[in-house]
Structures are given as C-alpha cells and as structure tokens.
Amino acid sequence: MISHTNMAMQEMAAKGLDPGGAVQAVVQMSLRLYADLIGDDEEAIRQTRKFIDEWERDLNDAPDSQTH
C-alpha cells in the first residue's frame, strides 16, 4: 500500500495537482478502508464513521486558504 501511495503522490505532483488535496484523499481512503476492515464491530464502526463525517465536514467548511 505504501509503494502504491508513494507512486500516486508522485504522479499527482507530476501533473501539478495540489499535494495537500492528495494527502487528504489518501487519508480519507485509508480511513474508509479501515472502517470496512473492522467488520461487525458496531462501536468501532460508529466511532470511525463519525470521525470521517466530522473530518469531511471540517474540510468543506474550511476557508480555501486552509485546505491548500
């Protein structure tokens, strides 16, 4: 996973994409993968999903100068 993430980051940088946005996407994908892996542990799922929802909301509410 780390090598794939590293390669994806290099490709995004080569295309001139915002590295901050790329990091946010990688973190979000990783958290969603973790949520899927914890399976039927309802409390862990609830806490993880709550964190992701709050994190996404904070990103959407942040001024542009803080998300780049």
N, C-alpha and C. Protein backbone atom coordinates (compact mmCIF):
# COMPACT_ATOMS: atom_id res chain seq x y z
N MET A 1 0.82 -1.19 0.00
CA MET A 1 0.00 0.00 0.00
C MET A 1 0.87 1.26 0.00
N ILE A 2 1.95 1.23 0.76
CA ILE A 2 2.80 2.42 0.84
C ILE A 2 3.43 2.73 -0.51
N SER A 3 3.89 1.70 -1.21
CA SER A 3 4.50 1.95 -2.52
C SER A 3 3.48 2.49 -3.51
N HIS A 4 2.24 1.98 -3.45
CA HIS A 4 1.19 2.49 -4.34
C HIS A 4 0.85 3.94 -4.01
N THR A 5 0.80 4.24 -2.72
CA THR A 5 0.51 5.61 -2.29
C THR A 5 1.62 6.55 -2.74
N ASN A 6 2.87 6.12 -2.57
CA ASN A 6 4.01 6.93 -2.97
C ASN A 6 3.97 7.21 -4.48
N MET A 7 3.70 6.17 -5.25
CA MET A 7 3.64 6.34 -6.71
C MET A 7 2.49 7.28 -7.08
N ALA A 8 1.35 7.13 -6.44
CA ALA A 8 0.21 8.01 -6.74
C ALA A 8 0.55 9.46 -6.41
N MET A 9 1.25 9.68 -5.30
CA MET A 9 1.65 11.04 -4.92
C MET A 9 2.60 11.63 -5.96
N GLN A 10 3.55 10.82 -6.45
CA GLN A 10 4.49 11.29 -7.46
C GLN A 10 3.77 11.63 -8.76
N GLU A 11 2.79 10.81 -9.15
CA GLU A 11 2.04 11.08 -10.37
C GLU A 11 1.22 12.36 -10.23
N MET A 12 0.63 12.57 -9.06
CA MET A 12 -0.15 13.79 -8.84
C MET A 12 0.75 15.02 -8.88
N ALA A 13 1.92 14.92 -8.27
CA ALA A 13 2.86 16.05 -8.28
C ALA A 13 3.31 16.35 -9.71
N ALA A 14 3.56 15.30 -10.49
CA ALA A 14 4.00 15.49 -11.88
C ALA A 14 2.93 16.18 -12.72
N LYS A 15 1.67 15.96 -12.36
CA LYS A 15 0.56 16.58 -13.09
C LYS A 15 0.21 17.96 -12.53
N GLY A 16 0.92 18.38 -11.48
CA GLY A 16 0.68 19.70 -10.90
C GLY A 16 -0.52 19.77 -9.98
N LEU A 17 -0.99 18.62 -9.49
CA LEU A 17 -2.12 18.63 -8.57
C LEU A 17 -1.67 19.02 -7.17
N ASP A 18 -2.56 19.58 -6.41
CA ASP A 18 -2.28 20.06 -5.07
C ASP A 18 -1.90 18.89 -4.15
N PRO A 19 -0.68 18.87 -3.59
CA PRO A 19 -0.29 17.76 -2.72
C PRO A 19 -1.13 17.67 -1.45
N GLY A 20 -1.60 18.81 -0.95
CA GLY A 20 -2.46 18.79 0.25
C GLY A 20 -3.75 18.05 -0.03
N GLY A 21 -4.33 18.29 -1.19
CA GLY A 21 -5.55 17.59 -1.57
C GLY A 21 -5.30 16.11 -1.75
N ALA A 22 -4.15 15.77 -2.28
CA ALA A 22 -3.80 14.36 -2.46
C ALA A 22 -3.66 13.66 -1.11
N VAL A 23 -3.02 14.32 -0.16
CA VAL A 23 -2.86 13.74 1.17
C VAL A 23 -4.23 13.54 1.82
N GLN A 24 -5.11 14.54 1.67
CA GLN A 24 -6.45 14.40 2.22
C GLN A 24 -7.17 13.20 1.63
N ALA A 25 -7.03 13.01 0.32
CA ALA A 25 -7.69 11.88 -0.35
C ALA A 25 -7.14 10.55 0.16
N VAL A 26 -5.82 10.46 0.33
CA VAL A 26 -5.20 9.23 0.81
C VAL A 26 -5.66 8.92 2.22
N VAL A 27 -5.69 9.92 3.08
CA VAL A 27 -6.14 9.70 4.46
C VAL A 27 -7.59 9.25 4.47
N GLN A 28 -8.41 9.90 3.67
CA GLN A 28 -9.83 9.54 3.62
C GLN A 28 -10.02 8.11 3.12
N MET A 29 -9.31 7.72 2.08
CA MET A 29 -9.42 6.35 1.56
C MET A 29 -8.94 5.35 2.61
N SER A 30 -7.86 5.68 3.31
CA SER A 30 -7.33 4.77 4.33
C SER A 30 -8.32 4.58 5.47
N LEU A 31 -8.96 5.67 5.89
CA LEU A 31 -9.93 5.57 6.97
C LEU A 31 -11.16 4.76 6.55
N ARG A 32 -11.58 4.96 5.31
CA ARG A 32 -12.73 4.17 4.83
C ARG A 32 -12.36 2.69 4.72
N LEU A 33 -11.16 2.38 4.28
CA LEU A 33 -10.70 1.00 4.22
C LEU A 33 -10.67 0.40 5.62
N TYR A 34 -10.15 1.14 6.58
CA TYR A 34 -10.12 0.67 7.97
C TYR A 34 -11.53 0.38 8.45
N ALA A 35 -12.45 1.28 8.15
CA ALA A 35 -13.84 1.09 8.58
C ALA A 35 -14.42 -0.19 7.99
N ASP A 36 -14.07 -0.48 6.74
CA ASP A 36 -14.55 -1.72 6.13
C ASP A 36 -13.90 -2.94 6.76
N LEU A 37 -12.64 -2.84 7.14
CA LEU A 37 -11.91 -3.98 7.69
C LEU A 37 -12.36 -4.35 9.10
N ILE A 38 -12.89 -3.40 9.85
CA ILE A 38 -13.27 -3.72 11.23
C ILE A 38 -14.58 -4.50 11.29
N GLY A 39 -15.18 -4.65 10.13
CA GLY A 39 -16.30 -5.58 10.01
C GLY A 39 -17.50 -5.28 10.88
N ASP A 40 -17.85 -6.23 11.75
CA ASP A 40 -19.10 -6.17 12.52
C ASP A 40 -18.95 -5.49 13.88
N ASP A 41 -17.81 -4.94 14.20
CA ASP A 41 -17.63 -4.25 15.47
C ASP A 41 -18.37 -2.92 15.41
N GLU A 42 -19.63 -2.94 15.85
CA GLU A 42 -20.51 -1.79 15.66
C GLU A 42 -19.98 -0.52 16.32
N GLU A 43 -19.42 -0.62 17.49
CA GLU A 43 -18.91 0.58 18.17
C GLU A 43 -17.71 1.17 17.42
N ALA A 44 -16.80 0.31 16.96
CA ALA A 44 -15.65 0.80 16.19
C ALA A 44 -16.11 1.43 14.88
N ILE A 45 -17.09 0.81 14.24
CA ILE A 45 -17.63 1.36 13.00
C ILE A 45 -18.25 2.73 13.26
N ARG A 46 -19.05 2.82 14.30
CA ARG A 46 -19.73 4.08 14.62
C ARG A 46 -18.71 5.19 14.88
N GLN A 47 -17.70 4.91 15.68
CA GLN A 47 -16.70 5.93 16.00
C GLN A 47 -15.90 6.33 14.77
N THR A 48 -15.53 5.36 13.95
CA THR A 48 -14.76 5.67 12.74
C THR A 48 -15.58 6.49 11.77
N ARG A 49 -16.80 6.09 11.53
CA ARG A 49 -17.67 6.83 10.60
C ARG A 49 -17.93 8.25 11.12
N LYS A 50 -18.12 8.39 12.41
CA LYS A 50 -18.33 9.72 13.00
C LYS A 50 -17.11 10.60 12.76
N PHE A 51 -15.92 10.04 12.99
CA PHE A 51 -14.69 10.80 12.76
C PHE A 51 -14.58 11.24 11.30
N ILE A 52 -14.85 10.31 10.37
CA ILE A 52 -14.76 10.63 8.95
C ILE A 52 -15.76 11.72 8.58
N ASP A 53 -16.99 11.58 9.04
CA ASP A 53 -18.02 12.58 8.73
C ASP A 53 -17.64 13.96 9.25
N GLU A 54 -17.13 14.01 10.48
CA GLU A 54 -16.72 15.30 11.06
C GLU A 54 -15.53 15.87 10.31
N TRP A 55 -14.59 15.01 9.94
CA TRP A 55 -13.40 15.45 9.22
C TRP A 55 -13.79 16.01 7.86
N GLU A 56 -14.69 15.31 7.14
CA GLU A 56 -15.14 15.80 5.84
C GLU A 56 -15.89 17.12 5.98
N ARG A 57 -16.71 17.24 7.02
CA ARG A 57 -17.44 18.48 7.26
C ARG A 57 -16.48 19.63 7.53
N ASP A 58 -15.47 19.38 8.35
CA ASP A 58 -14.48 20.42 8.65
C ASP A 58 -13.74 20.84 7.39
N LEU A 59 -13.42 19.87 6.51
CA LEU A 59 -12.75 20.22 5.26
C LEU A 59 -13.65 21.09 4.39
N ASN A 60 -14.92 20.74 4.31
CA ASN A 60 -15.86 21.50 3.49
C ASN A 60 -16.08 22.91 4.04
N ASP A 61 -16.01 23.06 5.36
CA ASP A 61 -16.26 24.35 6.00
C ASP A 61 -15.02 25.24 6.08
N ALA A 62 -13.84 24.66 5.83
CA ALA A 62 -12.59 25.42 5.97
C ALA A 62 -12.45 26.42 4.82
N PRO A 63 -11.89 27.58 5.11
CA PRO A 63 -11.59 28.53 4.03
C PRO A 63 -10.60 27.91 3.05
N ASP A 64 -10.66 28.31 1.80
CA ASP A 64 -9.76 27.76 0.77
C ASP A 64 -8.30 27.87 1.15
N SER A 65 -7.95 28.93 1.85
CA SER A 65 -6.53 29.13 2.21
C SER A 65 -6.03 28.06 3.18
N GLN A 66 -6.93 27.38 3.89
CA GLN A 66 -6.51 26.35 4.84
C GLN A 66 -6.55 24.95 4.24
N THR A 67 -7.17 24.76 3.08
CA THR A 67 -7.27 23.43 2.51
C THR A 67 -6.23 23.20 1.42
N HIS A 68 -5.42 24.21 1.10
CA HIS A 68 -4.41 24.04 0.05
C HIS A 68 -3.02 24.14 0.64
